[in-house]
Amino acid sequence: MTSRFVRSLFVALALAAPTLQGCAASHSTESLDVQASIASVTLADDCPDEAGAPLEPGLIAGDCAEDGPCGWCTQTAVQLAISASEGDSSVPFEVVAIRLLTMDGELVDELEPQRARVFVGETFGAWDERIEPGARLDVRYDTSAPDWSAIGQGEAWRTYGVQLRLEMRVRIDGVERTLELAPVSREPEIVT
């Protein structure tokens, strides 16, 4: 190699280095380390108000406002515990599917998420399904109710005490994960 060729090679590399470095920097984003688990499951009903929309989460007869909708109903819901590491920006959270299975893994029903809520202060409020850096969240998703009549082969009362497994597919910052809780069973229809 001639010294002229070597000098040309060094010049070419020196000119290309800032371009390569800038390209790498623009693609390196720090994603949060997010931990998520199912904290609890309430298998019950889908609680409509007088206009046909679901009641606020957790409303039962004793919780009704004097001028609001009232009735004895426990809302089917899944509660999650979510924590995130420190980082630069928030990441999206999405429910992909909620499946109710037998303990042996046979599909029983699919539940539809209806509302995402986060516990703030002393109550649940609307959640935008974003996880902020350093967050510690208690999240609740109200869901549609299982088809108890179909599960009980035409007799919904047969479903009380049956042990099931809940599987929840979620997408956190574009990566799908499966969360599970077992055993879960239908809530009794009593006021406690």
N, C-alpha and C. Protein backbone atom coordinates (compact mmCIF):
# COMPACT_ATOMS: atom_id res chain seq x y z
N MET A 1 0.84 -1.17 0.00
CA MET A 1 0.00 0.00 0.00
C MET A 1 0.89 1.24 0.00
N THR A 2 0.41 2.17 -0.73
CA THR A 2 1.15 3.43 -0.77
C THR A 2 0.66 4.33 0.35
N SER A 3 1.50 5.26 0.72
CA SER A 3 1.10 6.19 1.78
C SER A 3 -0.07 7.06 1.32
N ARG A 4 -0.16 7.28 0.02
CA ARG A 4 -1.28 8.08 -0.51
C ARG A 4 -2.62 7.33 -0.32
N PHE A 5 -2.60 6.02 -0.57
CA PHE A 5 -3.79 5.20 -0.39
C PHE A 5 -4.20 5.15 1.08
N VAL A 6 -3.21 4.96 1.96
CA VAL A 6 -3.50 4.90 3.40
C VAL A 6 -4.07 6.22 3.88
N ARG A 7 -3.48 7.36 3.43
CA ARG A 7 -4.00 8.67 3.80
C ARG A 7 -5.43 8.83 3.31
N SER A 8 -5.75 8.40 2.11
CA SER A 8 -7.11 8.49 1.55
C SER A 8 -8.08 7.65 2.37
N LEU A 9 -7.64 6.47 2.78
CA LEU A 9 -8.48 5.60 3.60
C LEU A 9 -8.79 6.25 4.94
N PHE A 10 -7.79 6.85 5.61
CA PHE A 10 -8.01 7.54 6.89
C PHE A 10 -8.97 8.71 6.73
N VAL A 11 -8.82 9.47 5.65
CA VAL A 11 -9.70 10.61 5.40
C VAL A 11 -11.13 10.12 5.19
N ALA A 12 -11.31 9.05 4.41
CA ALA A 12 -12.65 8.51 4.16
C ALA A 12 -13.29 8.03 5.46
N LEU A 13 -12.53 7.33 6.30
CA LEU A 13 -13.06 6.85 7.59
C LEU A 13 -13.38 8.01 8.53
N ALA A 14 -12.53 9.03 8.54
CA ALA A 14 -12.76 10.20 9.40
C ALA A 14 -14.02 10.93 8.99
N LEU A 15 -14.28 11.02 7.67
CA LEU A 15 -15.49 11.69 7.20
C LEU A 15 -16.74 10.85 7.47
N ALA A 16 -16.61 9.54 7.40
CA ALA A 16 -17.76 8.65 7.60
C ALA A 16 -18.10 8.48 9.08
N ALA A 17 -17.12 8.59 9.97
CA ALA A 17 -17.34 8.33 11.40
C ALA A 17 -18.45 9.17 12.01
N PRO A 18 -18.54 10.50 11.80
CA PRO A 18 -19.64 11.25 12.40
C PRO A 18 -21.00 10.79 11.87
N THR A 19 -21.06 10.41 10.60
CA THR A 19 -22.32 9.95 10.03
C THR A 19 -22.75 8.65 10.68
N LEU A 20 -21.81 7.71 10.81
CA LEU A 20 -22.13 6.43 11.43
C LEU A 20 -22.52 6.61 12.89
N GLN A 21 -21.80 7.46 13.61
CA GLN A 21 -22.09 7.70 15.01
C GLN A 21 -23.47 8.33 15.18
N GLY A 22 -23.83 9.30 14.33
CA GLY A 22 -25.14 9.94 14.41
C GLY A 22 -26.27 8.98 14.12
N CYS A 23 -26.06 8.07 13.19
CA CYS A 23 -27.06 7.09 12.84
C CYS A 23 -27.31 6.16 14.02
N ALA A 24 -26.25 5.71 14.67
CA ALA A 24 -26.39 4.81 15.82
C ALA A 24 -27.08 5.53 16.97
N ALA A 25 -26.77 6.78 17.21
CA ALA A 25 -27.37 7.53 18.32
C ALA A 25 -28.86 7.73 18.11
N SER A 26 -29.28 7.94 16.86
CA SER A 26 -30.70 8.19 16.62
C SER A 26 -31.54 6.93 16.75
N HIS A 27 -30.91 5.76 16.70
CA HIS A 27 -31.65 4.51 16.82
C HIS A 27 -31.61 3.91 18.22
N SER A 28 -30.80 4.49 19.10
CA SER A 28 -30.69 3.91 20.43
C SER A 28 -31.67 4.62 21.36
N THR A 29 -32.77 3.95 21.64
CA THR A 29 -33.73 4.48 22.60
C THR A 29 -33.74 3.55 23.80
N GLU A 30 -33.80 4.12 24.97
CA GLU A 30 -33.80 3.31 26.18
C GLU A 30 -35.23 2.95 26.53
N SER A 31 -35.55 1.68 26.45
CA SER A 31 -36.88 1.22 26.79
C SER A 31 -36.92 0.93 28.29
N LEU A 32 -38.07 1.12 28.87
CA LEU A 32 -38.23 0.85 30.30
C LEU A 32 -38.27 -0.64 30.56
N ASP A 33 -37.75 -1.04 31.71
CA ASP A 33 -37.92 -2.41 32.18
C ASP A 33 -39.24 -2.40 32.95
N VAL A 34 -40.25 -3.10 32.42
CA VAL A 34 -41.58 -3.08 33.02
C VAL A 34 -41.92 -4.46 33.55
N GLN A 35 -42.36 -4.50 34.79
CA GLN A 35 -42.84 -5.73 35.42
C GLN A 35 -44.36 -5.62 35.55
N ALA A 36 -45.08 -6.66 35.16
CA ALA A 36 -46.54 -6.65 35.26
C ALA A 36 -47.02 -8.01 35.72
N SER A 37 -48.02 -8.01 36.59
CA SER A 37 -48.63 -9.25 37.05
C SER A 37 -50.09 -9.02 37.37
N ILE A 38 -50.86 -10.10 37.34
CA ILE A 38 -52.27 -10.03 37.71
C ILE A 38 -52.34 -10.08 39.23
N ALA A 39 -52.90 -9.03 39.83
CA ALA A 39 -53.02 -8.95 41.28
C ALA A 39 -54.29 -9.66 41.77
N SER A 40 -55.39 -9.49 41.02
CA SER A 40 -56.64 -10.14 41.40
C SER A 40 -57.58 -10.20 40.21
N VAL A 41 -58.56 -11.09 40.32
CA VAL A 41 -59.58 -11.26 39.29
C VAL A 41 -60.93 -11.36 39.98
N THR A 42 -61.90 -10.64 39.45
CA THR A 42 -63.28 -10.76 39.91
C THR A 42 -64.09 -11.30 38.74
N LEU A 43 -64.58 -12.54 38.86
CA LEU A 43 -65.42 -13.13 37.83
C LEU A 43 -66.86 -13.02 38.31
N ALA A 44 -67.63 -12.18 37.65
CA ALA A 44 -69.01 -11.95 38.08
C ALA A 44 -69.86 -11.62 36.86
N ASP A 45 -70.33 -10.37 36.80
CA ASP A 45 -71.26 -9.95 35.76
C ASP A 45 -70.73 -8.74 35.01
N ASP A 46 -71.49 -8.30 34.02
CA ASP A 46 -71.24 -7.06 33.30
C ASP A 46 -72.37 -6.15 33.74
N CYS A 47 -72.08 -5.13 34.52
CA CYS A 47 -73.09 -4.34 35.22
C CYS A 47 -73.54 -3.11 34.43
N PRO A 48 -74.71 -3.18 33.79
CA PRO A 48 -75.21 -2.00 33.06
C PRO A 48 -75.92 -1.03 33.99
N ASP A 49 -75.88 0.27 33.60
CA ASP A 49 -76.69 1.24 34.33
C ASP A 49 -78.03 1.37 33.59
N GLU A 50 -78.83 2.35 33.96
CA GLU A 50 -80.16 2.50 33.36
C GLU A 50 -80.09 2.78 31.86
N ALA A 51 -79.00 3.40 31.39
CA ALA A 51 -78.86 3.72 29.97
C ALA A 51 -78.20 2.59 29.20
N GLY A 52 -77.88 1.49 29.87
CA GLY A 52 -77.27 0.36 29.20
C GLY A 52 -75.76 0.35 29.25
N ALA A 53 -75.14 1.41 29.79
CA ALA A 53 -73.68 1.45 29.91
C ALA A 53 -73.27 0.79 31.22
N PRO A 54 -72.07 0.23 31.29
CA PRO A 54 -71.64 -0.40 32.54
C PRO A 54 -71.58 0.61 33.69
N LEU A 55 -71.84 0.11 34.90
CA LEU A 55 -71.72 0.93 36.11
C LEU A 55 -70.26 1.27 36.36
N GLU A 56 -70.03 2.23 37.22
CA GLU A 56 -68.68 2.53 37.66
C GLU A 56 -68.12 1.26 38.32
N PRO A 57 -66.81 1.07 38.30
CA PRO A 57 -66.24 -0.16 38.83
C PRO A 57 -66.58 -0.38 40.30
N GLY A 58 -66.94 -1.62 40.60
CA GLY A 58 -67.16 -2.02 41.97
C GLY A 58 -68.48 -1.60 42.59
N LEU A 59 -69.37 -0.99 41.82
CA LEU A 59 -70.64 -0.56 42.41
C LEU A 59 -71.53 -1.75 42.71
N ILE A 60 -72.06 -1.76 43.91
CA ILE A 60 -73.09 -2.70 44.29
C ILE A 60 -74.16 -1.88 45.01
N ALA A 61 -75.21 -2.49 45.42
CA ALA A 61 -76.36 -1.77 45.98
C ALA A 61 -75.97 -0.75 47.05
N GLY A 62 -75.07 -1.09 47.95
CA GLY A 62 -74.70 -0.18 49.03
C GLY A 62 -73.88 1.01 48.58
N ASP A 63 -73.34 0.96 47.36
CA ASP A 63 -72.50 2.05 46.86
C ASP A 63 -73.26 3.05 46.01
N CYS A 64 -74.54 2.85 45.76
CA CYS A 64 -75.28 3.68 44.82
C CYS A 64 -75.50 5.09 45.36
N ALA A 65 -75.36 6.07 44.48
CA ALA A 65 -75.69 7.45 44.82
C ALA A 65 -77.21 7.58 44.82
N GLU A 66 -77.71 8.57 45.57
CA GLU A 66 -79.16 8.75 45.66
C GLU A 66 -79.80 9.02 44.31
N ASP A 67 -79.13 9.81 43.46
CA ASP A 67 -79.73 10.16 42.17
C ASP A 67 -79.15 9.36 41.00
N GLY A 68 -78.25 8.39 41.27
CA GLY A 68 -77.60 7.65 40.19
C GLY A 68 -78.20 6.28 39.99
N PRO A 69 -77.63 5.53 39.04
CA PRO A 69 -78.11 4.18 38.81
C PRO A 69 -77.83 3.30 40.02
N CYS A 70 -78.66 2.34 40.24
CA CYS A 70 -78.48 1.48 41.39
C CYS A 70 -78.86 0.06 41.02
N GLY A 71 -78.31 -0.85 41.71
CA GLY A 71 -78.62 -2.25 41.49
C GLY A 71 -77.57 -3.09 42.16
N TRP A 72 -77.87 -4.33 42.31
CA TRP A 72 -76.95 -5.24 42.94
C TRP A 72 -76.19 -5.96 41.85
N CYS A 73 -74.94 -5.61 41.65
CA CYS A 73 -74.16 -6.18 40.57
C CYS A 73 -72.68 -6.03 40.90
N THR A 74 -71.93 -7.07 40.66
CA THR A 74 -70.48 -7.02 40.81
C THR A 74 -69.87 -7.13 39.42
N GLN A 75 -69.04 -6.16 39.07
CA GLN A 75 -68.44 -6.08 37.74
C GLN A 75 -67.28 -7.06 37.59
N THR A 76 -67.26 -7.80 36.50
CA THR A 76 -66.12 -8.64 36.16
C THR A 76 -64.93 -7.73 35.85
N ALA A 77 -63.78 -8.04 36.43
CA ALA A 77 -62.62 -7.16 36.28
C ALA A 77 -61.33 -7.92 36.54
N VAL A 78 -60.24 -7.35 36.00
CA VAL A 78 -58.89 -7.86 36.25
C VAL A 78 -58.08 -6.69 36.79
N GLN A 79 -57.38 -6.92 37.90
CA GLN A 79 -56.54 -5.87 38.47
C GLN A 79 -55.08 -6.28 38.30
N LEU A 80 -54.26 -5.32 37.84
CA LEU A 80 -52.85 -5.56 37.56
C LEU A 80 -51.95 -4.72 38.46
N ALA A 81 -50.78 -5.26 38.77
CA ALA A 81 -49.72 -4.51 39.44
C ALA A 81 -48.63 -4.30 38.39
N ILE A 82 -48.29 -3.03 38.13
CA ILE A 82 -47.31 -2.69 37.11
C ILE A 82 -46.25 -1.79 37.72
N SER A 83 -44.99 -2.09 37.44
CA SER A 83 -43.90 -1.23 37.89
C SER A 83 -42.90 -1.07 36.75
N ALA A 84 -42.28 0.11 36.69
CA ALA A 84 -41.34 0.41 35.62
C ALA A 84 -40.05 0.97 36.20
N SER A 85 -38.96 0.70 35.50
CA SER A 85 -37.67 1.26 35.88
C SER A 85 -37.63 2.74 35.52
N GLU A 86 -36.58 3.39 35.95
CA GLU A 86 -36.37 4.78 35.54
C GLU A 86 -35.96 4.78 34.07
N GLY A 87 -36.27 5.85 33.37
CA GLY A 87 -35.93 5.95 31.96
C GLY A 87 -36.25 7.32 31.43
N ASP A 88 -36.22 7.45 30.11
CA ASP A 88 -36.39 8.75 29.48
C ASP A 88 -37.82 9.05 29.03
N SER A 89 -38.58 8.01 28.68
CA SER A 89 -39.92 8.29 28.15
C SER A 89 -40.88 7.16 28.50
N SER A 90 -42.17 7.46 28.41
CA SER A 90 -43.21 6.49 28.72
C SER A 90 -43.32 5.46 27.60
N VAL A 91 -43.95 4.33 27.91
CA VAL A 91 -44.18 3.28 26.91
C VAL A 91 -45.66 2.92 26.91
N PRO A 92 -46.19 2.45 25.76
CA PRO A 92 -47.60 2.08 25.69
C PRO A 92 -47.87 0.70 26.27
N PHE A 93 -49.08 0.54 26.79
CA PHE A 93 -49.57 -0.73 27.33
C PHE A 93 -50.88 -1.03 26.63
N GLU A 94 -51.06 -2.27 26.21
CA GLU A 94 -52.28 -2.64 25.49
C GLU A 94 -52.70 -4.06 25.88
N VAL A 95 -53.99 -4.26 26.08
CA VAL A 95 -54.51 -5.60 26.30
C VAL A 95 -54.81 -6.20 24.93
N VAL A 96 -54.21 -7.35 24.64
CA VAL A 96 -54.41 -8.03 23.36
C VAL A 96 -55.57 -9.01 23.46
N ALA A 97 -55.62 -9.79 24.55
CA ALA A 97 -56.69 -10.78 24.72
C ALA A 97 -56.78 -11.18 26.18
N ILE A 98 -58.00 -11.51 26.60
CA ILE A 98 -58.23 -12.05 27.94
C ILE A 98 -59.01 -13.35 27.74
N ARG A 99 -58.41 -14.44 28.19
CA ARG A 99 -59.03 -15.75 27.99
C ARG A 99 -59.27 -16.43 29.33
N LEU A 100 -60.41 -17.07 29.44
CA LEU A 100 -60.76 -17.86 30.60
C LEU A 100 -60.61 -19.32 30.20
N LEU A 101 -59.83 -20.08 30.95
CA LEU A 101 -59.51 -21.46 30.60
C LEU A 101 -59.86 -22.39 31.75
N THR A 102 -60.04 -23.68 31.44
CA THR A 102 -60.14 -24.67 32.50
C THR A 102 -58.75 -24.83 33.09
N MET A 103 -58.63 -25.49 34.20
CA MET A 103 -57.32 -25.72 34.81
C MET A 103 -56.44 -26.56 33.89
N ASP A 104 -57.06 -27.34 32.98
CA ASP A 104 -56.30 -28.16 32.02
C ASP A 104 -55.93 -27.39 30.76
N GLY A 105 -56.36 -26.11 30.64
CA GLY A 105 -55.99 -25.29 29.50
C GLY A 105 -57.00 -25.22 28.37
N GLU A 106 -58.19 -25.79 28.55
CA GLU A 106 -59.23 -25.73 27.51
C GLU A 106 -59.92 -24.36 27.57
N LEU A 107 -60.09 -23.74 26.40
CA LEU A 107 -60.73 -22.43 26.33
C LEU A 107 -62.18 -22.51 26.78
N VAL A 108 -62.55 -21.64 27.72
CA VAL A 108 -63.92 -21.57 28.23
C VAL A 108 -64.64 -20.36 27.63
N ASP A 109 -63.97 -19.20 27.62
CA ASP A 109 -64.58 -17.98 27.09
C ASP A 109 -63.48 -16.93 26.88
N GLU A 110 -63.78 -15.96 26.04
CA GLU A 110 -62.89 -14.81 25.85
C GLU A 110 -63.61 -13.58 26.37
N LEU A 111 -62.92 -12.78 27.17
CA LEU A 111 -63.50 -11.59 27.77
C LEU A 111 -62.97 -10.35 27.05
N GLU A 112 -63.83 -9.36 26.88
CA GLU A 112 -63.44 -8.12 26.22
C GLU A 112 -63.14 -7.05 27.26
N PRO A 113 -61.95 -6.41 27.18
CA PRO A 113 -61.69 -5.30 28.10
C PRO A 113 -62.60 -4.12 27.74
N GLN A 114 -63.16 -3.48 28.77
CA GLN A 114 -64.08 -2.37 28.54
C GLN A 114 -63.51 -1.02 28.94
N ARG A 115 -62.85 -0.96 30.06
CA ARG A 115 -62.32 0.30 30.58
C ARG A 115 -61.00 0.05 31.27
N ALA A 116 -60.07 0.95 31.03
CA ALA A 116 -58.79 0.92 31.75
C ALA A 116 -58.82 2.01 32.81
N ARG A 117 -58.52 1.63 34.04
CA ARG A 117 -58.52 2.60 35.14
C ARG A 117 -57.26 2.38 35.98
N VAL A 118 -56.81 3.47 36.61
CA VAL A 118 -55.64 3.40 37.47
C VAL A 118 -56.02 3.97 38.83
N PHE A 119 -55.46 3.36 39.89
CA PHE A 119 -55.75 3.82 41.24
C PHE A 119 -54.91 5.04 41.54
N VAL A 120 -55.58 6.15 41.82
CA VAL A 120 -54.91 7.41 42.15
C VAL A 120 -55.55 7.95 43.41
N GLY A 121 -54.75 8.20 44.42
CA GLY A 121 -55.29 8.73 45.68
C GLY A 121 -56.12 7.68 46.39
N GLU A 122 -57.44 7.86 46.35
CA GLU A 122 -58.33 6.93 47.04
C GLU A 122 -59.35 6.27 46.12
N THR A 123 -59.18 6.42 44.80
CA THR A 123 -60.17 5.86 43.88
C THR A 123 -59.53 5.54 42.53
N PHE A 124 -60.27 4.84 41.70
CA PHE A 124 -59.81 4.55 40.35
C PHE A 124 -60.28 5.65 39.41
N GLY A 125 -59.39 6.08 38.53
CA GLY A 125 -59.72 7.08 37.51
C GLY A 125 -59.28 6.56 36.15
N ALA A 126 -59.67 7.26 35.10
CA ALA A 126 -59.33 6.84 33.74
C ALA A 126 -57.81 6.75 33.57
N TRP A 127 -57.38 5.79 32.77
CA TRP A 127 -55.95 5.59 32.49
C TRP A 127 -55.72 5.64 31.00
N ASP A 128 -54.70 6.36 30.57
CA ASP A 128 -54.39 6.51 29.15
C ASP A 128 -53.56 5.36 28.59
N GLU A 129 -53.32 4.33 29.38
CA GLU A 129 -52.57 3.14 28.99
C GLU A 129 -51.13 3.46 28.56
N ARG A 130 -50.52 4.39 29.31
CA ARG A 130 -49.09 4.72 29.15
C ARG A 130 -48.41 4.46 30.49
N ILE A 131 -47.23 3.90 30.44
CA ILE A 131 -46.45 3.64 31.65
C ILE A 131 -45.29 4.63 31.68
N GLU A 132 -45.28 5.46 32.70
CA GLU A 132 -44.24 6.48 32.85
C GLU A 132 -43.01 5.88 33.54
N PRO A 133 -41.82 6.43 33.31
CA PRO A 133 -40.62 5.96 33.99
C PRO A 133 -40.79 6.02 35.51
N GLY A 134 -40.37 4.96 36.20
CA GLY A 134 -40.44 4.91 37.65
C GLY A 134 -41.83 4.68 38.21
N ALA A 135 -42.81 4.39 37.37
CA ALA A 135 -44.20 4.25 37.81
C ALA A 135 -44.41 2.98 38.63
N ARG A 136 -45.32 3.07 39.60
CA ARG A 136 -45.83 1.94 40.38
C ARG A 136 -47.34 2.06 40.28
N LEU A 137 -47.97 1.22 39.46
CA LEU A 137 -49.39 1.38 39.15
C LEU A 137 -50.23 0.21 39.61
N ASP A 138 -51.42 0.51 40.12
CA ASP A 138 -52.47 -0.48 40.34
C ASP A 138 -53.52 -0.17 39.29
N VAL A 139 -53.66 -1.06 38.31
CA VAL A 139 -54.53 -0.84 37.16
C VAL A 139 -55.67 -1.83 37.19
N ARG A 140 -56.84 -1.36 36.76
CA ARG A 140 -58.02 -2.22 36.72
C ARG A 140 -58.63 -2.15 35.32
N TYR A 141 -58.92 -3.32 34.77
CA TYR A 141 -59.67 -3.42 33.51
C TYR A 141 -61.00 -4.08 33.81
N ASP A 142 -62.10 -3.33 33.64
CA ASP A 142 -63.41 -3.96 33.66
C ASP A 142 -63.52 -4.74 32.37
N THR A 143 -64.19 -5.87 32.42
CA THR A 143 -64.32 -6.71 31.23
C THR A 143 -65.77 -7.15 31.05
N SER A 144 -66.03 -7.71 29.89
CA SER A 144 -67.32 -8.36 29.69
C SER A 144 -67.37 -9.56 30.64
N ALA A 145 -68.56 -10.02 30.93
CA ALA A 145 -68.72 -11.17 31.83
C ALA A 145 -68.61 -12.47 31.03
N PRO A 146 -68.16 -13.52 31.67
CA PRO A 146 -68.19 -14.82 31.01
C PRO A 146 -69.64 -15.22 30.72
N ASP A 147 -69.83 -16.05 29.73
CA ASP A 147 -71.16 -16.56 29.40
C ASP A 147 -71.43 -17.73 30.36
N TRP A 148 -71.94 -17.37 31.55
CA TRP A 148 -72.12 -18.37 32.61
C TRP A 148 -73.07 -19.48 32.20
N SER A 149 -74.10 -19.16 31.44
CA SER A 149 -75.05 -20.19 31.02
C SER A 149 -74.36 -21.23 30.12
N ALA A 150 -73.55 -20.77 29.19
CA ALA A 150 -72.83 -21.71 28.30
C ALA A 150 -71.81 -22.52 29.08
N ILE A 151 -71.10 -21.85 30.00
CA ILE A 151 -70.09 -22.55 30.80
C ILE A 151 -70.75 -23.61 31.67
N GLY A 152 -71.93 -23.30 32.21
CA GLY A 152 -72.66 -24.24 33.07
C GLY A 152 -73.56 -25.18 32.29
N GLN A 153 -73.38 -25.27 30.98
CA GLN A 153 -74.17 -26.13 30.10
C GLN A 153 -75.67 -25.89 30.28
N GLY A 154 -76.02 -24.60 30.20
CA GLY A 154 -77.42 -24.21 30.29
C GLY A 154 -77.88 -23.89 31.70
N GLU A 155 -77.08 -24.16 32.68
CA GLU A 155 -77.46 -23.91 34.07
C GLU A 155 -76.34 -23.13 34.75
N ALA A 156 -76.49 -21.80 34.76
CA ALA A 156 -75.44 -20.92 35.26
C ALA A 156 -75.07 -21.21 36.71
N TRP A 157 -76.00 -21.69 37.51
CA TRP A 157 -75.71 -21.95 38.92
C TRP A 157 -74.62 -23.00 39.09
N ARG A 158 -74.41 -23.85 38.08
CA ARG A 158 -73.39 -24.90 38.16
C ARG A 158 -71.96 -24.33 38.12
N THR A 159 -71.82 -23.06 37.78
CA THR A 159 -70.49 -22.47 37.62
C THR A 159 -69.89 -21.98 38.93
N TYR A 160 -70.68 -21.89 40.00
CA TYR A 160 -70.14 -21.45 41.29
C TYR A 160 -69.19 -22.51 41.84
N GLY A 161 -68.00 -22.06 42.26
CA GLY A 161 -67.01 -22.97 42.83
C GLY A 161 -66.13 -23.67 41.81
N VAL A 162 -66.41 -23.53 40.52
CA VAL A 162 -65.57 -24.15 39.49
C VAL A 162 -64.27 -23.37 39.40
N GLN A 163 -63.15 -24.07 39.49
CA GLN A 163 -61.85 -23.42 39.42
C GLN A 163 -61.42 -23.26 37.96
N LEU A 164 -61.03 -22.04 37.62
CA LEU A 164 -60.62 -21.69 36.27
C LEU A 164 -59.27 -21.00 36.31
N ARG A 165 -58.73 -20.74 35.13
CA ARG A 165 -57.46 -20.03 34.99
C ARG A 165 -57.70 -18.84 34.07
N LEU A 166 -57.17 -17.67 34.42
CA LEU A 166 -57.28 -16.49 33.57
C LEU A 166 -55.93 -16.22 32.93
N GLU A 167 -55.95 -16.07 31.60
CA GLU A 167 -54.75 -15.78 30.84
C GLU A 167 -54.97 -14.44 30.14
N MET A 168 -54.05 -13.51 30.33
CA MET A 168 -54.17 -12.17 29.75
C MET A 168 -52.94 -11.89 28.90
N ARG A 169 -53.16 -11.69 27.59
CA ARG A 169 -52.07 -11.32 26.68
C ARG A 169 -52.02 -9.80 26.64
N VAL A 170 -50.85 -9.24 26.94
CA VAL A 170 -50.66 -7.79 26.92
C VAL A 170 -49.49 -7.45 26.01
N ARG A 171 -49.49 -6.22 25.51
CA ARG A 171 -48.38 -5.72 24.70
C ARG A 171 -47.81 -4.49 25.43
N ILE A 172 -46.55 -4.60 25.84
CA ILE A 172 -45.87 -3.51 26.54
C ILE A 172 -44.73 -3.03 25.66
N ASP A 173 -44.82 -1.80 25.21
CA ASP A 173 -43.81 -1.22 24.33
C ASP A 173 -43.54 -2.11 23.13
N GLY A 174 -44.63 -2.69 22.56
CA GLY A 174 -44.54 -3.50 21.36
C GLY A 174 -44.20 -4.96 21.58
N VAL A 175 -43.92 -5.36 22.82
CA VAL A 175 -43.56 -6.75 23.11
C VAL A 175 -44.72 -7.44 23.82
N GLU A 176 -45.18 -8.57 23.26
CA GLU A 176 -46.29 -9.31 23.88
C GLU A 176 -45.80 -10.19 25.02
N ARG A 177 -46.63 -10.23 26.08
CA ARG A 177 -46.37 -11.07 27.25
C ARG A 177 -47.67 -11.73 27.66
N THR A 178 -47.56 -12.84 28.34
CA THR A 178 -48.74 -13.53 28.88
C THR A 178 -48.68 -13.47 30.40
N LEU A 179 -49.77 -12.97 30.99
CA LEU A 179 -49.92 -12.93 32.44
C LEU A 179 -50.99 -13.96 32.79
N GLU A 180 -50.80 -14.68 33.88
CA GLU A 180 -51.77 -15.70 34.28
C GLU A 180 -52.05 -15.65 35.77
N LEU A 181 -53.26 -16.08 36.12
CA LEU A 181 -53.62 -16.25 37.52
C LEU A 181 -54.53 -17.46 37.61
N ALA A 182 -54.22 -18.35 38.55
CA ALA A 182 -55.04 -19.53 38.78
C ALA A 182 -54.84 -19.98 40.21
N PRO A 183 -55.82 -20.56 40.84
CA PRO A 183 -57.18 -20.70 40.33
C PRO A 183 -58.00 -19.44 40.60
N VAL A 184 -58.98 -19.21 39.75
CA VAL A 184 -59.97 -18.15 39.93
C VAL A 184 -61.33 -18.80 39.82
N SER A 185 -62.31 -18.20 40.47
CA SER A 185 -63.66 -18.76 40.38
C SER A 185 -64.70 -17.65 40.46
N ARG A 186 -65.90 -17.99 40.09
CA ARG A 186 -67.00 -17.02 40.04
C ARG A 186 -67.32 -16.50 41.43
N GLU A 187 -67.55 -15.17 41.50
CA GLU A 187 -67.91 -14.54 42.76
C GLU A 187 -69.33 -14.97 43.18
N PRO A 188 -69.54 -15.26 44.45
CA PRO A 188 -70.89 -15.59 44.91
C PRO A 188 -71.79 -14.36 44.86
N GLU A 189 -73.05 -14.56 44.63
CA GLU A 189 -74.00 -13.44 44.56
C GLU A 189 -74.57 -13.16 45.94
N ILE A 190 -73.71 -12.64 46.80
CA ILE A 190 -74.15 -12.22 48.13
C ILE A 190 -73.59 -10.85 48.41
N VAL A 191 -74.27 -10.08 49.20
CA VAL A 191 -73.76 -8.76 49.61
C VAL A 191 -73.00 -8.97 50.89
N THR A 192 -71.74 -8.51 50.89
CA THR A 192 -70.91 -8.70 52.08
C THR A 192 -70.67 -7.38 52.76
